[in-house]
Amino acid sequence: MADSRMAGAQRRAWLSAALLSVALLVAPLLFWLLVPRPAPVMPARREPASALLPPPQPERAAPREVEVEAPPAPPPPRETTVARAEPVRGVVLDPEGRPSAGAVVRCRDEPGMTASADTEGRFELPPEADGCTATAAQPPLGDAEPTRLAAGRDNVLHLVAAGAIAGEVVDQSGRPVEAYLLAIESFVPAGDAVRGSVDGRARQVTDPGGAFRWNALAPGRYVLTVSAAGRPPTRSSGVDVEAGRTTEGVRIVLSQGATLKGRVIDAASRAPVVEAQVELDSVTSSGANAISLVLTDANGEYALEGVPARGPFSVRVRHEDYMSKIVSGLDARGAGSARADIELRMLDDGGSREELTGIGAMLSVSSSGVTIAGLIEGGPAASAGLQQGDVIVRIDGENAKELPLADCIQRLRGPVGTRVSVGVERDGQVIDVTMRRDIVVR
């Protein structure tokens, strides 16, 4: 019995120890679950190394072909094979088939594309000339027929044979004029050749029968000018010259001129101007003017023999102490003489040197015809809106396309206050203007 009590006491002691152990284990767990916990202290956040670097650049896509709809290209004006990059070569031959050294080859559809033939007549143009229509020129021969060039072949351009004019110069009664000056006043090439110039310088002709012959002329239409002592320049009608042929039977009637008389005086003092030169002005653009200038005498008087008996003409008066003056719109009207008294103004230091009456336009001859080469500021032409480069096609309603330069000049000049209508071609359009002639100083 005592043993059972001891055993029970041992069991109670073991159970108490077990319960105590469990309590010691459970109490901290209950305390951790039931008591609020302070927020954890977080360590300072360190930025990654990449944050210190520049921001990354957007990734560029690899280039790729993109189809873009482009506006349709205009069709080329001619067939071309420029891709071959092969120069266009050829040769220029004269009418006898011999090489024509120095001939100028020009693409008509590309005016700036030219070449000169070498000593063997050969030429070379850039690849861009492939397919162009070209001509060749070498005065006095006629231009070669337009030929389409092609790269890769030997292109041949044939110059056209020259022609000639033969005729005679007579006076009003039909008698031959034995000595005179002869010149080409104007020339319009035949066919589609570019309007050009020829060596039309005046040449002295002496022949008992008044005969003349002008050789080595390119095909086209010519106007000749003839003048002799006491006989003002006279123009022929148009003379057509064909390749390799002589145009014969040309007859030019050289009439006796009139005499222009007058007095030249100082515009301020009215005193006579002694030894002033008086001469015809712009009666011809060829230089075929056999009428010599005259000087004023001690009274300022002059007598210029051989001025045109009919039609407008101009004279130029010069003196070293005075402004030169062009007096225009003069006309003897078929009489034997006419009179023109002229006033000159003294020269100013650094001032104007010439005075005239007209529209204030300088004219020249271009491939298109008689062209306005310049305008005087404030003059009638400039005020009317005419421009440099305008081509004169009408004067007072008359066709001026084939008028010589000198004729156009005389028709545009005239007395102060008179009117003149002019038609000019500009950018393919014809513009008509009417102007009042005025004194122009330059």
Protein backbone atom coordinates (compact mmCIF):
# COMPACT_ATOMS: atom_id res chain seq x y z
CA MET A 1 0.00 0.00 0.00
CA ALA A 2 2.81 2.23 0.79
CA ASP A 3 4.22 1.27 -2.62
CA SER A 4 1.04 2.29 -4.43
CA ARG A 5 1.01 5.64 -2.68
CA MET A 6 4.56 6.25 -3.77
CA ALA A 7 3.79 5.28 -7.33
CA GLY A 8 0.78 7.64 -7.43
CA ALA A 9 2.87 10.44 -5.97
CA GLN A 10 5.48 9.86 -8.71
CA ARG A 11 2.81 9.95 -11.45
CA ARG A 12 1.37 13.20 -10.09
CA ALA A 13 4.86 14.71 -9.93
CA TRP A 14 5.60 13.63 -13.58
CA LEU A 15 2.22 15.00 -14.77
CA SER A 16 2.85 18.31 -13.00
CA ALA A 17 6.24 18.57 -14.59
CA ALA A 18 4.74 17.78 -18.04
CA LEU A 19 1.98 20.36 -17.60
CA LEU A 20 4.53 22.93 -16.47
CA SER A 21 6.64 22.22 -19.53
CA VAL A 22 3.62 22.58 -21.82
CA ALA A 23 2.65 25.84 -20.11
CA LEU A 24 6.16 27.18 -20.57
CA LEU A 25 5.95 26.32 -24.27
CA VAL A 26 2.42 27.64 -24.91
CA ALA A 27 2.71 30.93 -22.97
CA PRO A 28 5.27 32.58 -25.34
CA LEU A 29 3.21 31.48 -28.34
CA LEU A 30 0.03 33.06 -26.87
CA PHE A 31 2.00 36.20 -25.99
CA TRP A 32 3.33 36.47 -29.61
CA LEU A 33 -0.12 36.00 -31.05
CA LEU A 34 -2.04 38.34 -28.69
CA VAL A 35 0.35 41.25 -28.05
CA PRO A 36 0.69 43.88 -30.98
CA ARG A 37 4.12 43.90 -32.66
CA PRO A 38 6.04 47.09 -33.57
CA ALA A 39 6.58 47.76 -37.32
CA PRO A 40 9.80 46.30 -38.54
CA VAL A 41 12.63 48.69 -39.21
CA MET A 42 13.48 48.41 -42.93
CA PRO A 43 17.07 48.87 -44.03
CA ALA A 44 17.80 51.88 -46.35
CA ARG A 45 17.01 51.00 -49.96
CA ARG A 46 19.99 51.04 -52.24
CA GLU A 47 19.41 52.13 -55.84
CA PRO A 48 20.65 49.63 -58.35
CA ALA A 49 23.67 50.68 -60.34
CA SER A 50 21.55 51.00 -63.45
CA ALA A 51 19.64 53.95 -61.88
CA LEU A 52 22.82 56.04 -61.94
CA LEU A 53 23.23 55.61 -65.67
CA PRO A 54 21.55 57.78 -68.38
CA PRO A 55 18.03 56.65 -69.22
CA PRO A 56 18.08 53.93 -71.83
CA GLN A 57 17.59 55.12 -75.41
CA PRO A 58 14.70 53.70 -77.37
CA GLU A 59 15.76 50.82 -79.45
CA ARG A 60 16.11 51.73 -83.11
CA ALA A 61 14.55 49.41 -85.53
CA ALA A 62 16.76 48.14 -88.26
CA PRO A 63 16.27 50.06 -91.54
CA ARG A 64 13.98 48.47 -94.02
CA GLU A 65 12.61 49.30 -97.45
CA VAL A 66 9.27 51.06 -97.37
CA GLU A 67 7.11 51.40 -100.44
CA VAL A 68 5.92 54.97 -100.87
CA GLU A 69 3.53 55.91 -103.59
CA ALA A 70 5.30 58.62 -105.60
CA PRO A 71 3.63 60.92 -108.15
CA PRO A 72 4.00 59.56 -111.66
CA ALA A 73 7.04 60.97 -113.46
CA PRO A 74 6.37 62.84 -116.73
CA PRO A 75 7.27 60.83 -119.79
CA PRO A 76 10.71 61.65 -121.20
CA PRO A 77 10.62 63.92 -124.26
CA ARG A 78 12.68 61.46 -126.22
CA GLU A 79 14.04 57.96 -126.08
CA THR A 80 17.21 57.80 -124.04
CA THR A 81 19.72 55.25 -122.93
CA VAL A 82 21.68 57.38 -120.49
CA ALA A 83 22.12 54.37 -118.20
CA ARG A 84 24.82 53.14 -120.53
CA ALA A 85 26.82 56.32 -119.76
CA GLU A 86 28.28 56.18 -123.25
CA PRO A 87 29.19 59.47 -124.99
CA VAL A 88 27.50 60.34 -128.25
CA ARG A 89 30.05 60.57 -131.02
CA GLY A 90 29.94 61.48 -134.68
CA VAL A 91 31.44 63.43 -137.56
CA VAL A 92 30.51 66.60 -139.47
CA LEU A 93 31.07 66.59 -143.24
CA ASP A 94 30.95 69.43 -145.74
CA PRO A 95 28.88 69.19 -148.96
CA GLU A 96 31.78 67.39 -150.69
CA GLY A 97 32.00 64.81 -147.92
CA ARG A 98 35.17 66.18 -146.35
CA PRO A 99 35.59 66.59 -142.56
CA SER A 100 34.45 70.03 -141.43
CA ALA A 101 36.84 71.14 -138.69
CA GLY A 102 35.45 73.69 -136.25
CA ALA A 103 31.78 73.05 -137.06
CA VAL A 104 29.51 73.58 -134.04
CA VAL A 105 27.12 70.74 -133.21
CA ARG A 106 24.05 71.67 -131.17
CA CYS A 107 21.16 69.64 -129.75
CA ARG A 108 18.01 71.52 -130.74
CA ASP A 109 15.99 70.18 -127.79
CA GLU A 110 18.88 70.88 -125.38
CA PRO A 111 20.25 74.27 -126.53
CA GLY A 112 23.05 74.31 -123.97
CA MET A 113 24.45 70.98 -125.17
CA THR A 114 27.04 71.78 -127.85
CA ALA A 115 30.36 70.50 -129.14
CA SER A 116 32.95 71.62 -131.70
CA ALA A 117 34.30 69.32 -134.36
CA ASP A 118 38.05 68.65 -134.21
CA THR A 119 40.50 68.77 -137.11
CA GLU A 120 39.04 65.51 -138.41
CA GLY A 121 35.47 66.78 -138.17
CA ARG A 122 34.71 64.51 -135.21
CA PHE A 123 32.66 65.58 -132.19
CA GLU A 124 31.64 64.11 -128.85
CA LEU A 125 28.61 64.95 -126.71
CA PRO A 126 27.77 63.68 -123.20
CA PRO A 127 25.55 60.60 -122.73
CA GLU A 128 22.54 62.85 -122.12
CA ALA A 129 22.63 63.75 -125.83
CA ASP A 130 21.52 60.22 -126.74
CA GLY A 131 18.27 60.62 -128.67
CA CYS A 132 18.47 64.39 -129.19
CA THR A 133 17.88 66.04 -132.56
CA ALA A 134 21.05 67.87 -133.59
CA THR A 135 22.26 70.19 -136.32
CA ALA A 136 25.70 71.47 -137.23
CA ALA A 137 26.68 74.95 -138.37
CA GLN A 138 29.76 76.42 -140.01
CA PRO A 139 29.22 79.63 -141.97
CA PRO A 140 29.10 80.30 -144.81
CA LEU A 141 27.75 76.78 -145.41
CA GLY A 142 24.15 75.98 -144.62
CA ASP A 143 23.20 74.19 -141.41
CA ALA A 144 23.09 70.40 -141.48
CA GLU A 145 19.71 68.76 -141.74
CA PRO A 146 18.28 67.94 -138.26
CA THR A 147 19.49 64.44 -137.33
CA ARG A 148 18.55 62.22 -134.40
CA LEU A 149 21.70 61.17 -132.52
CA ALA A 150 22.23 57.82 -130.86
CA ALA A 151 24.96 56.54 -128.56
CA GLY A 152 26.92 53.56 -129.77
CA ARG A 153 26.96 54.49 -133.43
CA ASP A 154 28.91 56.88 -135.64
CA ASN A 155 26.48 59.77 -136.24
CA VAL A 156 27.02 61.77 -139.44
CA LEU A 157 25.89 65.39 -139.96
CA HIS A 158 26.07 66.76 -143.53
CA LEU A 159 26.43 70.52 -144.01
CA VAL A 160 24.50 72.03 -146.90
CA ALA A 161 26.25 73.59 -149.90
CA ALA A 162 26.48 77.38 -150.08
CA GLY A 163 24.73 79.51 -152.67
CA ALA A 164 25.33 82.90 -154.26
CA ILE A 165 23.58 86.12 -155.36
CA ALA A 166 24.34 87.86 -158.64
CA GLY A 167 22.81 91.12 -159.85
CA GLU A 168 23.28 94.76 -160.81
CA VAL A 169 22.88 98.24 -159.34
CA VAL A 170 21.37 101.00 -161.51
CA ASP A 171 20.10 104.55 -161.06
CA GLN A 172 16.52 105.73 -161.59
CA SER A 173 17.01 105.98 -165.35
CA GLY A 174 18.38 102.45 -165.57
CA ARG A 175 22.02 103.42 -166.08
CA PRO A 176 24.56 101.32 -164.16
CA VAL A 177 26.09 102.75 -160.99
CA GLU A 178 29.75 101.94 -161.42
CA ALA A 179 31.00 102.33 -157.80
CA TYR A 180 29.07 101.62 -154.64
CA LEU A 181 29.09 99.94 -151.23
CA LEU A 182 27.28 96.59 -150.96
CA ALA A 183 26.36 94.79 -147.73
CA ILE A 184 23.97 92.22 -146.26
CA GLU A 185 21.38 94.03 -144.17
CA SER A 186 19.58 90.96 -142.79
CA PHE A 187 19.54 87.19 -143.10
CA VAL A 188 16.94 84.57 -142.16
CA PRO A 189 18.18 80.97 -142.53
CA ALA A 190 16.21 78.48 -144.57
CA GLY A 191 14.09 75.77 -142.95
CA ASP A 192 14.31 75.19 -139.23
CA ALA A 193 17.82 76.55 -138.80
CA VAL A 194 18.33 79.01 -135.96
CA ARG A 195 18.15 82.61 -137.07
CA GLY A 196 21.75 83.70 -137.26
CA SER A 197 24.15 86.20 -138.69
CA VAL A 198 26.48 86.23 -141.66
CA ASP A 199 29.51 88.26 -142.55
CA GLY A 200 27.59 91.11 -144.13
CA ARG A 201 30.24 93.80 -143.78
CA ALA A 202 30.18 96.38 -146.53
CA ARG A 203 32.43 95.77 -149.50
CA GLN A 204 33.36 98.20 -152.24
CA VAL A 205 32.17 97.18 -155.71
CA THR A 206 33.50 98.78 -158.89
CA ASP A 207 32.15 97.55 -162.22
CA PRO A 208 31.35 99.44 -165.45
CA GLY A 209 28.09 97.58 -165.76
CA GLY A 210 27.17 97.94 -162.07
CA ALA A 211 27.29 94.15 -161.67
CA PHE A 212 28.03 92.29 -158.46
CA ARG A 213 28.26 88.70 -157.23
CA TRP A 214 28.28 87.53 -153.59
CA ASN A 215 29.46 83.94 -153.13
CA ALA A 216 29.56 81.48 -150.22
CA LEU A 217 26.10 82.31 -148.85
CA ALA A 218 24.21 79.93 -146.58
CA PRO A 219 20.71 79.03 -147.77
CA GLY A 220 18.05 81.48 -146.61
CA ARG A 221 16.51 84.87 -147.33
CA TYR A 222 18.74 87.94 -147.66
CA VAL A 223 18.16 91.68 -147.78
CA LEU A 224 21.01 93.63 -149.38
CA THR A 225 21.91 97.28 -148.85
CA VAL A 226 23.58 99.51 -151.44
CA SER A 227 24.85 103.09 -151.12
CA ALA A 228 26.94 105.44 -153.25
CA ALA A 229 28.13 109.04 -153.12
CA GLY A 230 25.08 111.31 -152.99
CA ARG A 231 22.80 108.25 -152.90
CA PRO A 232 21.48 107.10 -149.50
CA PRO A 233 21.38 103.43 -148.51
CA THR A 234 18.73 101.49 -150.41
CA ARG A 235 17.57 97.99 -149.53
CA SER A 236 16.68 95.21 -151.89
CA SER A 237 13.58 93.11 -151.50
CA GLY A 238 14.06 89.66 -149.98
CA VAL A 239 16.37 87.43 -152.01
CA ASP A 240 16.07 83.67 -151.54
CA VAL A 241 19.26 81.63 -151.78
CA GLU A 242 19.19 77.85 -152.27
CA ALA A 243 21.95 75.38 -151.46
CA GLY A 244 24.45 75.03 -154.29
CA ARG A 245 22.67 77.50 -156.57
CA THR A 246 23.15 81.12 -157.65
CA THR A 247 20.16 83.45 -157.45
CA GLU A 248 20.59 85.69 -160.49
CA GLY A 249 18.84 88.73 -161.91
CA VAL A 250 18.73 90.77 -158.67
CA ARG A 251 18.32 94.46 -159.61
CA ILE A 252 18.67 97.28 -157.10
CA VAL A 253 17.68 100.83 -158.05
CA LEU A 254 19.81 103.42 -156.27
CA SER A 255 18.04 106.79 -156.23
CA GLN A 256 19.58 110.22 -155.88
CA GLY A 257 19.22 111.58 -152.37
CA ALA A 258 18.05 114.92 -151.05
CA THR A 259 19.98 117.60 -149.17
CA LEU A 260 19.35 118.40 -145.50
CA LYS A 261 20.22 121.97 -144.56
CA GLY A 262 20.08 123.85 -141.29
CA ARG A 263 21.89 125.61 -138.48
CA VAL A 264 23.33 124.29 -135.22
CA ILE A 265 23.23 126.70 -132.25
CA ASP A 266 23.88 126.76 -128.51
CA ALA A 267 20.56 126.15 -126.70
CA ALA A 268 21.36 128.72 -123.98
CA SER A 269 23.19 131.55 -125.75
CA ARG A 270 21.74 131.01 -129.26
CA ALA A 271 25.26 131.41 -130.62
CA PRO A 272 26.31 129.28 -133.60
CA VAL A 273 28.16 126.04 -132.87
CA VAL A 274 31.16 125.89 -135.19
CA GLU A 275 32.57 122.59 -136.54
CA ALA A 276 29.78 120.43 -135.20
CA GLN A 277 29.57 117.08 -137.01
CA VAL A 278 26.28 116.24 -138.77
CA GLU A 279 25.74 112.72 -140.18
CA LEU A 280 23.04 110.18 -140.96
CA ASP A 281 22.24 107.91 -138.02
CA SER A 282 20.98 104.30 -138.05
CA VAL A 283 19.97 104.34 -141.71
CA THR A 284 21.58 100.93 -142.04
CA SER A 285 22.82 98.28 -139.65
CA SER A 286 25.27 96.87 -142.18
CA GLY A 287 27.60 99.85 -142.55
CA ALA A 288 26.84 100.33 -146.25
CA ASN A 289 26.54 104.10 -145.91
CA ALA A 290 28.51 106.11 -148.44
CA ILE A 291 27.17 109.48 -147.23
CA SER A 292 30.01 111.32 -145.49
CA LEU A 293 29.47 113.56 -142.47
CA VAL A 294 29.73 117.35 -142.77
CA LEU A 295 30.89 120.12 -140.42
CA THR A 296 29.08 123.35 -139.59
CA ASP A 297 30.69 126.58 -140.76
CA ALA A 298 31.40 129.81 -138.86
CA ASN A 299 27.66 130.59 -138.79
CA GLY A 300 26.72 127.09 -137.64
CA GLU A 301 25.29 126.26 -141.07
CA TYR A 302 25.53 122.79 -142.64
CA ALA A 303 24.37 120.99 -145.80
CA LEU A 304 24.25 117.17 -145.71
CA GLU A 305 23.85 115.74 -149.22
CA GLY A 306 22.48 112.26 -149.85
CA VAL A 307 19.82 111.93 -147.17
CA PRO A 308 16.77 109.78 -148.04
CA ALA A 309 14.34 111.61 -150.32
CA ARG A 310 11.37 109.78 -148.80
CA GLY A 311 10.61 108.20 -145.48
CA PRO A 312 11.73 108.99 -141.95
CA PHE A 313 15.42 109.31 -141.17
CA SER A 314 17.61 110.61 -138.35
CA VAL A 315 20.79 112.64 -138.07
CA ARG A 316 23.30 112.72 -135.24
CA VAL A 317 24.99 115.99 -134.29
CA ARG A 318 28.20 115.99 -132.22
CA HIS A 319 30.59 118.51 -130.72
CA GLU A 320 33.17 117.93 -128.03
CA ASP A 321 31.73 120.68 -125.80
CA TYR A 322 28.08 119.63 -126.14
CA MET A 323 25.79 116.71 -125.58
CA SER A 324 25.36 114.79 -128.81
CA LYS A 325 21.84 114.92 -130.19
CA ILE A 326 19.89 112.55 -132.43
CA VAL A 327 17.23 114.40 -134.41
CA SER A 328 14.64 111.90 -135.63
CA GLY A 329 11.45 111.89 -137.67
CA LEU A 330 12.99 113.91 -140.54
CA ASP A 331 11.43 113.48 -143.99
CA ALA A 332 12.25 115.27 -147.26
CA ARG A 333 8.88 114.07 -148.65
CA GLY A 334 10.23 113.65 -152.17
CA ALA A 335 11.62 117.18 -152.41
CA GLY A 336 15.20 117.96 -153.28
CA SER A 337 15.91 119.43 -149.86
CA ALA A 338 14.69 119.74 -146.29
CA ARG A 339 15.67 121.90 -143.34
CA ALA A 340 16.37 121.17 -139.68
CA ASP A 341 17.75 123.72 -137.20
CA ILE A 342 19.26 122.04 -134.18
CA GLU A 343 19.97 123.23 -130.63
CA LEU A 344 22.75 121.66 -128.56
CA ARG A 345 23.14 121.78 -124.78
CA MET A 346 26.49 122.14 -123.08
CA LEU A 347 27.94 119.11 -121.35
CA ASP A 348 27.69 118.93 -117.56
CA ASP A 349 30.45 117.34 -115.50
CA GLY A 350 29.47 113.72 -115.00
CA GLY A 351 26.06 114.28 -116.57
CA SER A 352 24.25 112.85 -119.56
CA ARG A 353 26.01 112.84 -122.91
CA GLU A 354 23.23 112.18 -125.43
CA GLU A 355 19.72 113.42 -126.17
CA LEU A 356 17.19 111.90 -128.54
CA THR A 357 13.47 111.61 -129.19
CA GLY A 358 11.81 108.22 -129.14
CA ILE A 359 10.57 105.53 -126.75
CA GLY A 360 13.76 105.04 -124.72
CA ALA A 361 14.59 101.46 -125.77
CA MET A 362 17.86 100.01 -127.06
CA LEU A 363 17.40 97.39 -129.78
CA SER A 364 19.55 94.49 -130.96
CA VAL A 365 19.21 91.47 -133.24
CA SER A 366 18.79 88.04 -131.62
CA SER A 367 17.93 84.58 -132.93
CA SER A 368 14.25 85.51 -132.46
CA GLY A 369 14.37 88.82 -134.31
CA VAL A 370 14.74 92.47 -133.32
CA THR A 371 14.78 92.45 -129.53
CA ILE A 372 14.69 95.06 -126.76
CA ALA A 373 18.21 94.91 -125.32
CA GLY A 374 17.73 97.61 -122.69
CA LEU A 375 15.41 100.31 -121.41
CA ILE A 376 16.04 103.84 -120.21
CA GLU A 377 14.57 104.33 -116.76
CA GLY A 378 11.57 106.62 -116.85
CA GLY A 379 11.35 106.50 -120.65
CA PRO A 380 8.11 105.83 -122.55
CA ALA A 381 8.91 102.15 -123.17
CA ALA A 382 9.74 101.41 -119.53
CA SER A 383 6.65 103.30 -118.35
CA ALA A 384 4.47 101.33 -120.77
CA GLY A 385 5.68 98.02 -119.29
CA LEU A 386 8.00 96.82 -122.04
CA GLN A 387 10.81 94.57 -120.81
CA GLN A 388 14.31 93.60 -121.81
CA GLY A 389 14.11 90.51 -124.02
CA ASP A 390 10.77 91.42 -125.63
CA VAL A 391 10.78 90.66 -129.37
CA ILE A 392 9.24 93.35 -131.58
CA VAL A 393 6.61 91.84 -133.90
CA ARG A 394 4.50 94.87 -134.88
CA ILE A 395 5.02 98.62 -135.26
CA ASP A 396 1.92 100.74 -135.91
CA GLY A 397 0.08 97.60 -136.98
CA GLU A 398 2.67 96.53 -139.58
CA ASN A 399 4.45 93.19 -139.36
CA ALA A 400 7.95 93.84 -138.05
CA LYS A 401 9.25 90.26 -137.81
CA GLU A 402 11.40 90.56 -140.92
CA LEU A 403 12.21 94.27 -140.73
CA PRO A 404 15.91 95.09 -140.52
CA LEU A 405 17.16 96.59 -137.28
CA ALA A 406 17.62 100.04 -138.81
CA ASP A 407 14.02 100.14 -140.05
CA CYS A 408 12.68 99.30 -136.60
CA ILE A 409 14.81 102.04 -135.04
CA GLN A 410 13.62 104.70 -137.49
CA ARG A 411 9.96 103.75 -137.04
CA LEU A 412 10.15 103.91 -133.26
CA ARG A 413 11.78 107.32 -133.30
CA GLY A 414 9.82 110.45 -134.14
CA PRO A 415 8.83 113.96 -133.06
CA VAL A 416 8.03 114.69 -129.41
CA GLY A 417 4.39 114.03 -128.50
CA THR A 418 3.59 111.74 -131.42
CA ARG A 419 2.25 108.25 -130.69
CA VAL A 420 3.50 104.83 -131.76
CA SER A 421 1.93 101.42 -131.12
CA VAL A 422 4.23 98.45 -130.61
CA GLY A 423 3.46 94.74 -130.40
CA VAL A 424 6.02 92.58 -128.58
CA GLU A 425 6.21 88.84 -128.05
CA ARG A 426 6.90 87.66 -124.50
CA ASP A 427 6.67 84.09 -123.19
CA GLY A 428 4.72 83.02 -126.26
CA GLN A 429 2.15 85.84 -126.01
CA VAL A 430 1.88 89.08 -128.01
CA ILE A 431 1.40 92.26 -125.98
CA ASP A 432 0.35 95.53 -127.65
CA VAL A 433 1.11 98.91 -126.09
CA THR A 434 0.78 102.50 -127.30
CA MET A 435 3.31 105.12 -126.24
CA ARG A 436 3.85 108.83 -126.66
CA ARG A 437 7.34 109.66 -127.89
CA ASP A 438 9.37 111.92 -125.65
CA ILE A 439 12.83 113.41 -125.17
CA VAL A 440 15.14 110.80 -123.70
CA VAL A 441 18.47 111.75 -122.12
CA ARG A 442 21.18 109.20 -121.42
